[in-house]
Amino acid sequence: VQLQAYGGGLVQAGGSLRLSCAASTPILSNYHMGWFRQAPGKEREFVAALTWREGRTLYTDSVKGRVTISRDNAKNTVYLQMNSLKPEDTAVYFCNVRTAMWYDYWGQGTLVTVSS
């Protein structure tokens, strides 16, 4: 599976961005698809994910209420709508597909910069 993420950019605090990630092949129903991020000098951390079949979602506490993950099954695409962005959201955001055997595919990352 190849993942192409896009939608990052520079935004002021309080602004919004929508990230998209398209998979090159259909996502199997028992896979998960989501987003991680890595801020400068920090380790990569989980942001949000959903189950491809049911669309059940999971968020890290720091983004709950501000971020929504969604999918378009027909396009094999997952989205991350981010609102009320904060400077601490600044990071490279990576798209992720996790298989039923817990194998991870990663996209190339898209940079989100939130200015104060």
PDB file of N, CA and C in Angstrom:
ATOM      1  N   VAL A   1       0.856  -1.197   0.000  1.00  0.00           N
ATOM      2  CA  VAL A   1       0.000   0.000   0.000  1.00  0.00           C
ATOM      3  C   VAL A   1       0.889   1.243   0.000  1.00  0.00           C
ATOM      4  N   GLN A   2       0.644   2.103  -0.957  1.00  0.00           N
ATOM      5  CA  GLN A   2       1.348   3.392  -0.968  1.00  0.00           C
ATOM      6  C   GLN A   2       0.367   4.476  -0.545  1.00  0.00           C
ATOM      7  N   LEU A   3       0.852   5.380   0.284  1.00  0.00           N
ATOM      8  CA  LEU A   3       0.008   6.422   0.835  1.00  0.00           C
ATOM      9  C   LEU A   3       0.519   7.791   0.416  1.00  0.00           C
ATOM     10  N   GLN A   4      -0.386   8.623  -0.056  1.00  0.00           N
ATOM     11  CA  GLN A   4      -0.038   9.978  -0.479  1.00  0.00           C
ATOM     12  C   GLN A   4      -0.813  10.953   0.387  1.00  0.00           C
ATOM     13  N   ALA A   5      -0.080  11.673   1.229  1.00  0.00           N
ATOM     14  CA  ALA A   5      -0.714  12.644   2.119  1.00  0.00           C
ATOM     15  C   ALA A   5      -0.476  14.056   1.613  1.00  0.00           C
ATOM     16  N   TYR A   6      -1.458  14.901   1.789  1.00  0.00           N
ATOM     17  CA  TYR A   6      -1.320  16.293   1.390  1.00  0.00           C
ATOM     18  C   TYR A   6      -2.295  17.140   2.189  1.00  0.00           C
ATOM     19  N   GLY A   7      -2.128  18.448   2.086  1.00  0.00           N
ATOM     20  CA  GLY A   7      -3.023  19.359   2.780  1.00  0.00           C
ATOM     21  C   GLY A   7      -2.368  20.161   3.886  1.00  0.00           C
ATOM     22  N   GLY A   8      -1.109  19.886   4.187  1.00  0.00           N
ATOM     23  CA  GLY A   8      -0.436  20.646   5.219  1.00  0.00           C
ATOM     24  C   GLY A   8      -0.150  22.065   4.761  1.00  0.00           C
ATOM     25  N   GLY A   9       0.314  22.877   5.705  1.00  0.00           N
ATOM     26  CA  GLY A   9       0.633  24.241   5.368  1.00  0.00           C
ATOM     27  C   GLY A   9       0.822  25.072   6.606  1.00  0.00           C
ATOM     28  N   LEU A  10       0.885  26.376   6.384  1.00  0.00           N
ATOM     29  CA  LEU A  10       1.066  27.344   7.467  1.00  0.00           C
ATOM     30  C   LEU A  10      -0.283  27.978   7.780  1.00  0.00           C
ATOM     31  N   VAL A  11      -0.630  27.982   9.043  1.00  0.00           N
ATOM     32  CA  VAL A  11      -1.906  28.548   9.462  1.00  0.00           C
ATOM     33  C   VAL A  11      -1.709  29.248  10.798  1.00  0.00           C
ATOM     34  N   GLN A  12      -2.498  30.266  11.029  1.00  0.00           N
ATOM     35  CA  GLN A  12      -2.430  30.954  12.309  1.00  0.00           C
ATOM     36  C   GLN A  12      -3.174  30.172  13.378  1.00  0.00           C
ATOM     37  N   ALA A  13      -2.785  30.398  14.599  1.00  0.00           N
ATOM     38  CA  ALA A  13      -3.471  29.757  15.715  1.00  0.00           C
ATOM     39  C   ALA A  13      -4.955  30.082  15.657  1.00  0.00           C
ATOM     40  N   GLY A  14      -5.768  29.057  15.891  1.00  0.00           N
ATOM     41  CA  GLY A  14      -7.207  29.210  15.795  1.00  0.00           C
ATOM     42  C   GLY A  14      -7.766  28.849  14.438  1.00  0.00           C
ATOM     43  N   GLY A  15      -6.886  28.670  13.476  1.00  0.00           N
ATOM     44  CA  GLY A  15      -7.311  28.340  12.122  1.00  0.00           C
ATOM     45  C   GLY A  15      -7.577  26.862  11.930  1.00  0.00           C
ATOM     46  N   SER A  16      -7.850  26.513  10.676  1.00  0.00           N
ATOM     47  CA  SER A  16      -8.214  25.133  10.339  1.00  0.00           C
ATOM     48  C   SER A  16      -7.415  24.652   9.142  1.00  0.00           C
ATOM     49  N   LEU A  17      -7.246  23.354   9.093  1.00  0.00           N
ATOM     50  CA  LEU A  17      -6.654  22.688   7.937  1.00  0.00           C
ATOM     51  C   LEU A  17      -7.328  21.328   7.783  1.00  0.00           C
ATOM     52  N   ARG A  18      -7.368  20.854   6.563  1.00  0.00           N
ATOM     53  CA  ARG A  18      -7.828  19.491   6.332  1.00  0.00           C
ATOM     54  C   ARG A  18      -6.744  18.717   5.597  1.00  0.00           C
ATOM     55  N   LEU A  19      -6.309  17.663   6.224  1.00  0.00           N
ATOM     56  CA  LEU A  19      -5.332  16.776   5.614  1.00  0.00           C
ATOM     57  C   LEU A  19      -6.060  15.635   4.914  1.00  0.00           C
ATOM     58  N   SER A  20      -5.468  15.195   3.831  1.00  0.00           N
ATOM     59  CA  SER A  20      -6.015  14.056   3.092  1.00  0.00           C
ATOM     60  C   SER A  20      -4.918  13.031   2.881  1.00  0.00           C
ATOM     61  N   CYS A  21      -5.327  11.785   2.812  1.00  0.00           N
ATOM     62  CA  CYS A  21      -4.376  10.716   2.540  1.00  0.00           C
ATOM     63  C   CYS A  21      -5.065   9.679   1.668  1.00  0.00           C
ATOM     64  N   ALA A  22      -4.515   9.489   0.485  1.00  0.00           N
ATOM     65  CA  ALA A  22      -5.084   8.534  -0.449  1.00  0.00           C
ATOM     66  C   ALA A  22      -4.210   7.292  -0.526  1.00  0.00           C
ATOM     67  N   ALA A  23      -4.848   6.145  -0.452  1.00  0.00           N
ATOM     68  CA  ALA A  23      -4.137   4.876  -0.570  1.00  0.00           C
ATOM     69  C   ALA A  23      -4.159   4.412  -2.022  1.00  0.00           C
ATOM     70  N   SER A  24      -3.080   3.753  -2.419  1.00  0.00           N
ATOM     71  CA  SER A  24      -2.953   3.332  -3.816  1.00  0.00           C
ATOM     72  C   SER A  24      -3.786   2.102  -4.141  1.00  0.00           C
ATOM     73  N   THR A  25      -4.181   1.367  -3.108  1.00  0.00           N
ATOM     74  CA  THR A  25      -4.983   0.167  -3.297  1.00  0.00           C
ATOM     75  C   THR A  25      -6.153   0.190  -2.328  1.00  0.00           C
ATOM     76  N   PRO A  26      -7.190  -0.559  -2.605  1.00  0.00           N
ATOM     77  CA  PRO A  26      -8.326  -0.582  -1.683  1.00  0.00           C
ATOM     78  C   PRO A  26      -7.910  -1.018  -0.287  1.00  0.00           C
ATOM     79  N   ILE A  27      -8.480  -0.365   0.698  1.00  0.00           N
ATOM     80  CA  ILE A  27      -8.203  -0.699   2.088  1.00  0.00           C
ATOM     81  C   ILE A  27      -9.118  -1.842   2.500  1.00  0.00           C
ATOM     82  N   LEU A  28      -8.527  -2.885   3.045  1.00  0.00           N
ATOM     83  CA  LEU A  28      -9.332  -4.025   3.468  1.00  0.00           C
ATOM     84  C   LEU A  28     -10.173  -3.662   4.687  1.00  0.00           C
ATOM     85  N   SER A  29     -11.288  -4.324   4.807  1.00  0.00           N
ATOM     86  CA  SER A  29     -12.267  -3.929   5.828  1.00  0.00           C
ATOM     87  C   SER A  29     -11.742  -4.106   7.252  1.00  0.00           C
ATOM     88  N   ASN A  30     -10.769  -4.988   7.442  1.00  0.00           N
ATOM     89  CA  ASN A  30     -10.261  -5.202   8.806  1.00  0.00           C
ATOM     90  C   ASN A  30      -8.992  -4.392   9.095  1.00  0.00           C
ATOM     91  N   TYR A  31      -8.718  -3.412   8.263  1.00  0.00           N
ATOM     92  CA  TYR A  31      -7.584  -2.534   8.496  1.00  0.00           C
ATOM     93  C   TYR A  31      -8.019  -1.295   9.261  1.00  0.00           C
ATOM     94  N   HIS A  32      -7.033  -0.615   9.810  1.00  0.00           N
ATOM     95  CA  HIS A  32      -7.228   0.690  10.412  1.00  0.00           C
ATOM     96  C   HIS A  32      -6.456   1.710   9.582  1.00  0.00           C
ATOM     97  N   MET A  33      -6.978   2.908   9.545  1.00  0.00           N
ATOM     98  CA  MET A  33      -6.279   3.980   8.841  1.00  0.00           C
ATOM     99  C   MET A  33      -6.292   5.210   9.728  1.00  0.00           C
ATOM    100  N   GLY A  34      -5.196   5.915   9.783  1.00  0.00           N
ATOM    101  CA  GLY A  34      -5.162   7.050  10.689  1.00  0.00           C
ATOM    102  C   GLY A  34      -3.984   7.967  10.478  1.00  0.00           C
ATOM    103  N   TRP A  35      -3.732   8.763  11.496  1.00  0.00           N
ATOM    104  CA  TRP A  35      -2.700   9.793  11.438  1.00  0.00           C
ATOM    105  C   TRP A  35      -1.845   9.780  12.698  1.00  0.00           C
ATOM    106  N   PHE A  36      -0.559   9.985  12.478  1.00  0.00           N
ATOM    107  CA  PHE A  36       0.391  10.220  13.545  1.00  0.00           C
ATOM    108  C   PHE A  36       1.064  11.559  13.245  1.00  0.00           C
ATOM    109  N   ARG A  37       1.779  12.080  14.217  1.00  0.00           N
ATOM    110  CA  ARG A  37       2.528  13.300  13.974  1.00  0.00           C
ATOM    111  C   ARG A  37       3.843  13.272  14.745  1.00  0.00           C
ATOM    112  N   GLN A  38       4.787  14.045  14.219  1.00  0.00           N
ATOM    113  CA  GLN A  38       6.083  14.134  14.863  1.00  0.00           C
ATOM    114  C   GLN A  38       6.525  15.586  14.872  1.00  0.00           C
ATOM    115  N   ALA A  39       6.597  16.135  16.064  1.00  0.00           N
ATOM    116  CA  ALA A  39       7.056  17.510  16.234  1.00  0.00           C
ATOM    117  C   ALA A  39       8.580  17.521  16.302  1.00  0.00           C
ATOM    118  N   PRO A  40       9.191  18.660  16.023  1.00  0.00           N
ATOM    119  CA  PRO A  40      10.656  18.752  16.057  1.00  0.00           C
ATOM    120  C   PRO A  40      11.211  18.312  17.405  1.00  0.00           C
ATOM    121  N   GLY A  41      12.150  17.399  17.375  1.00  0.00           N
ATOM    122  CA  GLY A  41      12.799  16.943  18.590  1.00  0.00           C
ATOM    123  C   GLY A  41      11.991  15.976  19.423  1.00  0.00           C
ATOM    124  N   LYS A  42      10.847  15.548  18.901  1.00  0.00           N
ATOM    125  CA  LYS A  42       9.989  14.637  19.658  1.00  0.00           C
ATOM    126  C   LYS A  42       9.753  13.362  18.881  1.00  0.00           C
ATOM    127  N   GLU A  43       9.257  12.363  19.586  1.00  0.00           N
ATOM    128  CA  GLU A  43       8.943  11.106  18.938  1.00  0.00           C
ATOM    129  C   GLU A  43       7.585  11.190  18.234  1.00  0.00           C
ATOM    130  N   ARG A  44       7.425  10.301  17.295  1.00  0.00           N
ATOM    131  CA  ARG A  44       6.145  10.245  16.586  1.00  0.00           C
ATOM    132  C   ARG A  44       5.055   9.822  17.562  1.00  0.00           C
ATOM    133  N   GLU A  45       3.893  10.475  17.464  1.00  0.00           N
ATOM    134  CA  GLU A  45       2.794  10.158  18.363  1.00  0.00           C
ATOM    135  C   GLU A  45       1.498   9.958  17.590  1.00  0.00           C
ATOM    136  N   PHE A  46       0.641   9.169  18.170  1.00  0.00           N
ATOM    137  CA  PHE A  46      -0.670   8.899  17.588  1.00  0.00           C
ATOM    138  C   PHE A  46      -1.556  10.133  17.671  1.00  0.00           C
ATOM    139  N   VAL A  47      -2.341  10.378  16.625  1.00  0.00           N
ATOM    140  CA  VAL A  47      -3.294  11.485  16.617  1.00  0.00           C
ATOM    141  C   VAL A  47      -4.724  10.952  16.564  1.00  0.00           C
ATOM    142  N   ALA A  48      -5.031  10.206  15.531  1.00  0.00           N
ATOM    143  CA  ALA A  48      -6.395   9.718  15.352  1.00  0.00           C
ATOM    144  C   ALA A  48      -6.378   8.533  14.399  1.00  0.00           C
ATOM    145  N   ALA A  49      -7.397   7.687  14.516  1.00  0.00           N
ATOM    146  CA  ALA A  49      -7.524   6.548  13.615  1.00  0.00           C
ATOM    147  C   ALA A  49      -8.975   6.133  13.530  1.00  0.00           C
ATOM    148  N   LEU A  50      -9.269   5.361  12.506  1.00  0.00           N
ATOM    149  CA  LEU A  50     -10.604   4.788  12.398  1.00  0.00           C
ATOM    150  C   LEU A  50     -10.505   3.379  11.828  1.00  0.00           C
ATOM    151  N   THR A  51     -11.507   2.587  12.157  1.00  0.00           N
ATOM    152  CA  THR A  51     -11.610   1.248  11.583  1.00  0.00           C
ATOM    153  C   THR A  51     -12.280   1.383  10.237  1.00  0.00           C
ATOM    154  N   TRP A  52     -11.693   0.718   9.237  1.00  0.00           N
ATOM    155  CA  TRP A  52     -12.170   0.957   7.872  1.00  0.00           C
ATOM    156  C   TRP A  52     -13.583   0.430   7.657  1.00  0.00           C
ATOM    157  N   ARG A  53     -13.917  -0.683   8.304  1.00  0.00           N
ATOM    158  CA  ARG A  53     -15.236  -1.273   8.057  1.00  0.00           C
ATOM    159  C   ARG A  53     -16.340  -0.488   8.754  1.00  0.00           C
ATOM    160  N   GLU A  54     -16.190  -0.267  10.078  1.00  0.00           N
ATOM    161  CA  GLU A  54     -17.273   0.379  10.822  1.00  0.00           C
ATOM    162  C   GLU A  54     -17.121   1.888  10.907  1.00  0.00           C
ATOM    163  N   GLY A  55     -15.895   2.376  10.681  1.00  0.00           N
ATOM    164  CA  GLY A  55     -15.660   3.802  10.826  1.00  0.00           C
ATOM    165  C   GLY A  55     -15.590   4.254  12.270  1.00  0.00           C
ATOM    166  N   ARG A  56     -15.335   3.332  13.173  1.00  0.00           N
ATOM    167  CA  ARG A  56     -15.182   3.726  14.572  1.00  0.00           C
ATOM    168  C   ARG A  56     -13.897   4.526  14.719  1.00  0.00           C
ATOM    169  N   THR A  57     -13.970   5.568  15.530  1.00  0.00           N
ATOM    170  CA  THR A  57     -12.850   6.496  15.615  1.00  0.00           C
ATOM    171  C   THR A  57     -12.204   6.489  16.995  1.00  0.00           C
ATOM    172  N   LEU A  58     -10.951   6.899  17.012  1.00  0.00           N
ATOM    173  CA  LEU A  58     -10.183   7.007  18.234  1.00  0.00           C
ATOM    174  C   LEU A  58      -9.290   8.227  18.105  1.00  0.00           C
ATOM    175  N   TYR A  59      -9.208   9.007  19.176  1.00  0.00           N
ATOM    176  CA  TYR A  59      -8.410  10.227  19.160  1.00  0.00           C
ATOM    177  C   TYR A  59      -7.502  10.283  20.381  1.00  0.00           C
ATOM    178  N   THR A  60      -6.363  10.915  20.205  1.00  0.00           N
ATOM    179  CA  THR A  60      -5.564  11.207  21.373  1.00  0.00           C
ATOM    180  C   THR A  60      -6.206  12.366  22.126  1.00  0.00           C
ATOM    181  N   ASP A  61      -6.010  12.408  23.425  1.00  0.00           N
ATOM    182  CA  ASP A  61      -6.725  13.381  24.251  1.00  0.00           C
ATOM    183  C   ASP A  61      -6.476  14.822  23.826  1.00  0.00           C
ATOM    184  N   SER A  62      -5.283  15.121  23.389  1.00  0.00           N
ATOM    185  CA  SER A  62      -4.935  16.513  23.100  1.00  0.00           C
ATOM    186  C   SER A  62      -5.661  17.101  21.895  1.00  0.00           C
ATOM    187  N   VAL A  63      -6.282  16.264  21.082  1.00  0.00           N
ATOM    188  CA  VAL A  63      -6.980  16.784  19.898  1.00  0.00           C
ATOM    189  C   VAL A  63      -8.489  16.575  19.958  1.00  0.00           C
ATOM    190  N   LYS A  64      -8.958  15.896  20.980  1.00  0.00           N
ATOM    191  CA  LYS A  64     -10.401  15.628  21.072  1.00  0.00           C
ATOM    192  C   LYS A  64     -11.189  16.930  21.083  1.00  0.00           C
ATOM    193  N   GLY A  65     -12.248  16.951  20.301  1.00  0.00           N
ATOM    194  CA  GLY A  65     -13.084  18.142  20.204  1.00  0.00           C
ATOM    195  C   GLY A  65     -12.606  19.143  19.172  1.00  0.00           C
ATOM    196  N   ARG A  66     -11.397  18.971  18.674  1.00  0.00           N
ATOM    197  CA  ARG A  66     -10.858  19.889  17.672  1.00  0.00           C
ATOM    198  C   ARG A  66     -10.584  19.212  16.337  1.00  0.00           C
ATOM    199  N   VAL A  67     -10.468  17.933  16.371  1.00  0.00           N
ATOM    200  CA  VAL A  67     -10.051  17.174  15.188  1.00  0.00           C
ATOM    201  C   VAL A  67     -11.078  16.094  14.881  1.00  0.00           C
ATOM    202  N   THR A  68     -11.347  15.910  13.603  1.00  0.00           N
ATOM    203  CA  THR A  68     -12.263  14.861  13.163  1.00  0.00           C
ATOM    204  C   THR A  68     -11.611  14.051  12.057  1.00  0.00           C
ATOM    205  N   ILE A  69     -11.603  12.756  12.230  1.00  0.00           N
ATOM    206  CA  ILE A  69     -11.107  11.864  11.191  1.00  0.00           C
ATOM    207  C   ILE A  69     -12.300  11.246  10.477  1.00  0.00           C
ATOM    208  N   SER A  70     -12.191  11.143   9.171  1.00  0.00           N
ATOM    209  CA  SER A  70     -13.275  10.572   8.389  1.00  0.00           C
ATOM    210  C   SER A  70     -12.683   9.864   7.181  1.00  0.00           C
ATOM    211  N   ARG A  71     -13.549   9.154   6.448  1.00  0.00           N
ATOM    212  CA  ARG A  71     -13.028   8.398   5.299  1.00  0.00           C
ATOM    213  C   ARG A  71     -13.994   8.447   4.144  1.00  0.00           C
ATOM    214  N   ASP A  72     -13.451   8.192   2.985  1.00  0.00           N
ATOM    215  CA  ASP A  72     -14.241   8.006   1.775  1.00  0.00           C
ATOM    216  C   ASP A  72     -13.845   6.645   1.231  1.00  0.00           C
ATOM    217  N   ASN A  73     -14.686   5.657   1.467  1.00  0.00           N
ATOM    218  CA  ASN A  73     -14.340   4.290   1.074  1.00  0.00           C
ATOM    219  C   ASN A  73     -14.108   4.167  -0.422  1.00  0.00           C
ATOM    220  N   ALA A  74     -14.902   4.851  -1.188  1.00  0.00           N
ATOM    221  CA  ALA A  74     -14.798   4.723  -2.647  1.00  0.00           C
ATOM    222  C   ALA A  74     -13.470   5.263  -3.162  1.00  0.00           C
ATOM    223  N   LYS A  75     -12.924   6.241  -2.452  1.00  0.00           N
ATOM    224  CA  LYS A  75     -11.668   6.855  -2.877  1.00  0.00           C
ATOM    225  C   LYS A  75     -10.469   6.321  -2.110  1.00  0.00           C
ATOM    226  N   ASN A  76     -10.692   5.391  -1.197  1.00  0.00           N
ATOM    227  CA  ASN A  76      -9.606   4.865  -0.360  1.00  0.00           C
ATOM    228  C   ASN A  76      -8.830   6.004   0.301  1.00  0.00           C
ATOM    229  N   THR A  77      -9.568   6.941   0.800  1.00  0.00           N
ATOM    230  CA  THR A  77      -8.976   8.166   1.330  1.00  0.00           C
ATOM    231  C   THR A  77      -9.457   8.424   2.751  1.00  0.00           C
ATOM    232  N   VAL A  78      -8.544   8.873   3.573  1.00  0.00           N
ATOM    233  CA  VAL A  78      -8.883   9.290   4.919  1.00  0.00           C
ATOM    234  C   VAL A  78      -8.559  10.767   5.063  1.00  0.00           C
ATOM    235  N   TYR A  79      -9.376  11.449   5.842  1.00  0.00           N
ATOM    236  CA  TYR A  79      -9.220  12.881   6.032  1.00  0.00           C
ATOM    237  C   TYR A  79      -9.008  13.191   7.514  1.00  0.00           C
ATOM    238  N   LEU A  80      -8.333  14.298   7.769  1.00  0.00           N
ATOM    239  CA  LEU A  80      -8.184  14.782   9.134  1.00  0.00           C
ATOM    240  C   LEU A  80      -8.525  16.267   9.124  1.00  0.00           C
ATOM    241  N   GLN A  81      -9.708  16.579   9.615  1.00  0.00           N
ATOM    242  CA  GLN A  81     -10.135  17.967   9.715  1.00  0.00           C
ATOM    243  C   GLN A  81      -9.673  18.497  11.062  1.00  0.00           C
ATOM    244  N   MET A  82      -8.846  19.512  11.023  1.00  0.00           N
ATOM    245  CA  MET A  82      -8.284  20.067  12.244  1.00  0.00           C
ATOM    246  C   MET A  82      -8.754  21.505  12.405  1.00  0.00           C
ATOM    247  N   ASN A  83      -9.419  21.774  13.505  1.00  0.00           N
ATOM    248  CA  ASN A  83      -9.922  23.109  13.812  1.00  0.00           C
ATOM    249  C   ASN A  83      -9.273  23.628  15.085  1.00  0.00           C
ATOM    250  N   SER A  84      -9.418  24.910  15.312  1.00  0.00           N
ATOM    251  CA  SER A  84      -8.866  25.535  16.515  1.00  0.00           C
ATOM    252  C   SER A  84      -7.416  25.123  16.728  1.00  0.00           C
ATOM    253  N   LEU A  85      -6.648  25.214  15.681  1.00  0.00           N
ATOM    254  CA  LEU A  85      -5.263  24.753  15.750  1.00  0.00           C
ATOM    255  C   LEU A  85      -4.445  25.588  16.715  1.00  0.00           C
ATOM    256  N   LYS A  86      -3.507  24.917  17.363  1.00  0.00           N
ATOM    257  CA  LYS A  86      -2.643  25.537  18.349  1.00  0.00           C
ATOM    258  C   LYS A  86      -1.186  25.400  17.889  1.00  0.00           C
ATOM    259  N   PRO A  87      -0.322  26.275  18.363  1.00  0.00           N
ATOM    260  CA  PRO A  87       1.102  26.138  17.991  1.00  0.00           C
ATOM    261  C   PRO A  87       1.667  24.766  18.324  1.00  0.00           C
ATOM    262  N   GLU A  88       1.174  24.138  19.368  1.00  0.00           N
ATOM    263  CA  GLU A  88       1.681  22.813  19.742  1.00  0.00           C
ATOM    264  C   GLU A  88       1.213  21.711  18.794  1.00  0.00           C
ATOM    265  N   ASP A  89       0.344  22.047  17.868  1.00  0.00           N
ATOM    266  CA  ASP A  89      -0.051  21.090  16.824  1.00  0.00           C
ATOM    267  C   ASP A  89       0.966  21.070  15.683  1.00  0.00           C
ATOM    268  N   THR A  90       1.915  21.969  15.718  1.00  0.00           N
ATOM    269  CA  THR A  90       2.937  22.013  14.678  1.00  0.00           C
ATOM    270  C   THR A  90       3.730  20.716  14.649  1.00  0.00           C
ATOM    271  N   ALA A  91       3.756  20.082  13.482  1.00  0.00           N
ATOM    272  CA  ALA A  91       4.423  18.784  13.356  1.00  0.00           C
ATOM    273  C   ALA A  91       4.335  18.338  11.903  1.00  0.00           C
ATOM    274  N   VAL A  92       5.095  17.306  11.609  1.00  0.00           N
ATOM    275  CA  VAL A  92       4.888  16.589  10.356  1.00  0.00           C
ATOM    276  C   VAL A  92       3.838  15.513  10.632  1.00  0.00           C
ATOM    277  N   TYR A  93       2.809  15.500   9.832  1.00  0.00           N
ATOM    278  CA  TYR A  93       1.719  14.561  10.010  1.00  0.00           C
ATOM    279  C   TYR A  93       1.876  13.409   9.016  1.00  0.00           C
ATOM    280  N   PHE A  94       1.817  12.207   9.551  1.00  0.00           N
ATOM    281  CA  PHE A  94       2.002  11.006   8.744  1.00  0.00           C
ATOM    282  C   PHE A  94       0.715  10.209   8.687  1.00  0.00           C
ATOM    283  N   CYS A  95       0.376   9.807   7.495  1.00  0.00           N
ATOM    284  CA  CYS A  95      -0.746   8.914   7.300  1.00  0.00           C
ATOM    285  C   CYS A  95      -0.287   7.481   7.572  1.00  0.00           C
ATOM    286  N   ASN A  96      -1.181   6.681   8.112  1.00  0.00           N
ATOM    287  CA  ASN A  96      -0.826   5.317   8.500  1.00  0.00           C
ATOM    288  C   ASN A  96      -1.950   4.355   8.142  1.00  0.00           C
ATOM    289  N   VAL A  97      -1.560   3.204   7.644  1.00  0.00           N
ATOM    290  CA  VAL A  97      -2.480   2.076   7.495  1.00  0.00           C
ATOM    291  C   VAL A  97      -1.916   0.929   8.314  1.00  0.00           C
ATOM    292  N   ARG A  98      -2.743   0.375   9.176  1.00  0.00           N
ATOM    293  CA  ARG A  98      -2.322  -0.767   9.996  1.00  0.00           C
ATOM    294  C   ARG A  98      -3.151  -1.970   9.597  1.00  0.00           C
ATOM    295  N   THR A  99      -2.462  -3.032   9.254  1.00  0.00           N
ATOM    296  CA  THR A  99      -3.173  -4.231   8.830  1.00  0.00           C
ATOM    297  C   THR A  99      -3.640  -5.043  10.028  1.00  0.00           C
ATOM    298  N   ALA A 100      -4.400  -6.076   9.728  1.00  0.00           N
ATOM    299  CA  ALA A 100      -4.892  -6.949  10.783  1.00  0.00           C
ATOM    300  C   ALA A 100      -3.749  -7.672  11.501  1.00  0.00           C
ATOM    301  N   MET A 101      -2.614  -7.794  10.840  1.00  0.00           N
ATOM    302  CA  MET A 101      -1.436  -8.414  11.448  1.00  0.00           C
ATOM    303  C   MET A 101      -0.517  -7.367  12.071  1.00  0.00           C
ATOM    304  N   TRP A 102      -1.038  -6.175  12.262  1.00  0.00           N
ATOM    305  CA  TRP A 102      -0.316  -5.081  12.923  1.00  0.00           C
ATOM    306  C   TRP A 102       0.917  -4.653  12.141  1.00  0.00           C
ATOM    307  N   TYR A 103       0.850  -4.782  10.807  1.00  0.00           N
ATOM    308  CA  TYR A 103       1.914  -4.235   9.970  1.00  0.00           C
ATOM    309  C   TYR A 103       1.529  -2.817   9.585  1.00  0.00           C
ATOM    310  N   ASP A 104       2.473  -1.897   9.658  1.00  0.00           N
ATOM    311  CA  ASP A 104       2.216  -0.491   9.376  1.00  0.00           C
ATOM    312  C   ASP A 104       2.771  -0.064   8.028  1.00  0.00           C
ATOM    313  N   TYR A 105       1.924   0.625   7.273  1.00  0.00           N
ATOM    314  CA  TYR A 105       2.349   1.352   6.089  1.00  0.00           C
ATOM    315  C   TYR A 105       2.323   2.839   6.440  1.00  0.00           C
ATOM    316  N   TRP A 106       3.292   3.574   5.897  1.00  0.00           N
ATOM    317  CA  TRP A 106       3.393   4.996   6.203  1.00  0.00           C
ATOM    318  C   TRP A 106       3.427   5.824   4.930  1.00  0.00           C
ATOM    319  N   GLY A 107       2.794   6.998   5.005  1.00  0.00           N
ATOM    320  CA  GLY A 107       2.932   7.980   3.954  1.00  0.00           C
ATOM    321  C   GLY A 107       4.181   8.821   4.184  1.00  0.00           C
ATOM    322  N   GLN A 108       4.413   9.774   3.292  1.00  0.00           N
ATOM    323  CA  GLN A 108       5.652  10.542   3.339  1.00  0.00           C
ATOM    324  C   GLN A 108       5.598  11.705   4.319  1.00  0.00           C
ATOM    325  N   GLY A 109       4.460  12.031   4.840  1.00  0.00           N
ATOM    326  CA  GLY A 109       4.352  13.124   5.792  1.00  0.00           C
ATOM    327  C   GLY A 109       4.024  14.442   5.127  1.00  0.00           C
ATOM    328  N   THR A 110       3.258  15.239   5.830  1.00  0.00           N
ATOM    329  CA  THR A 110       2.933  16.580   5.367  1.00  0.00           C
ATOM    330  C   THR A 110       3.073  17.529   6.560  1.00  0.00           C
ATOM    331  N   LEU A 111       3.732  18.648   6.330  1.00  0.00           N
ATOM    332  CA  LEU A 111       4.081  19.563   7.416  1.00  0.00           C
ATOM    333  C   LEU A 111       2.934  20.516   7.727  1.00  0.00           C
ATOM    334  N   VAL A 112       2.594  20.578   8.993  1.00  0.00           N
ATOM    335  CA  VAL A 112       1.618  21.539   9.495  1.00  0.00           C
ATOM    336  C   VAL A 112       2.348  22.484  10.435  1.00  0.00           C
ATOM    337  N   THR A 113       2.272  23.771  10.142  1.00  0.00           N
ATOM    338  CA  THR A 113       2.903  24.779  10.983  1.00  0.00           C
ATOM    339  C   THR A 113       1.832  25.754  11.455  1.00  0.00           C
ATOM    340  N   VAL A 114       1.723  25.886  12.764  1.00  0.00           N
ATOM    341  CA  VAL A 114       0.729  26.778  13.347  1.00  0.00           C
ATOM    342  C   VAL A 114       1.467  27.919  14.030  1.00  0.00           C
ATOM    343  N   SER A 115       1.242  29.110  13.535  1.00  0.00           N
ATOM    344  CA  SER A 115       1.919  30.273  14.100  1.00  0.00           C
ATOM    345  C   SER A 115       1.068  30.898  15.201  1.00  0.00           C
ATOM    346  N   SER A 116       1.738  31.461  16.173  1.00  0.00           N
ATOM    347  CA  SER A 116       1.019  32.064  17.312  1.00  0.00           C
ATOM    348  C   SER A 116       0.741  33.535  17.066  1.00  0.00           C
TER     349      SER A 116
END
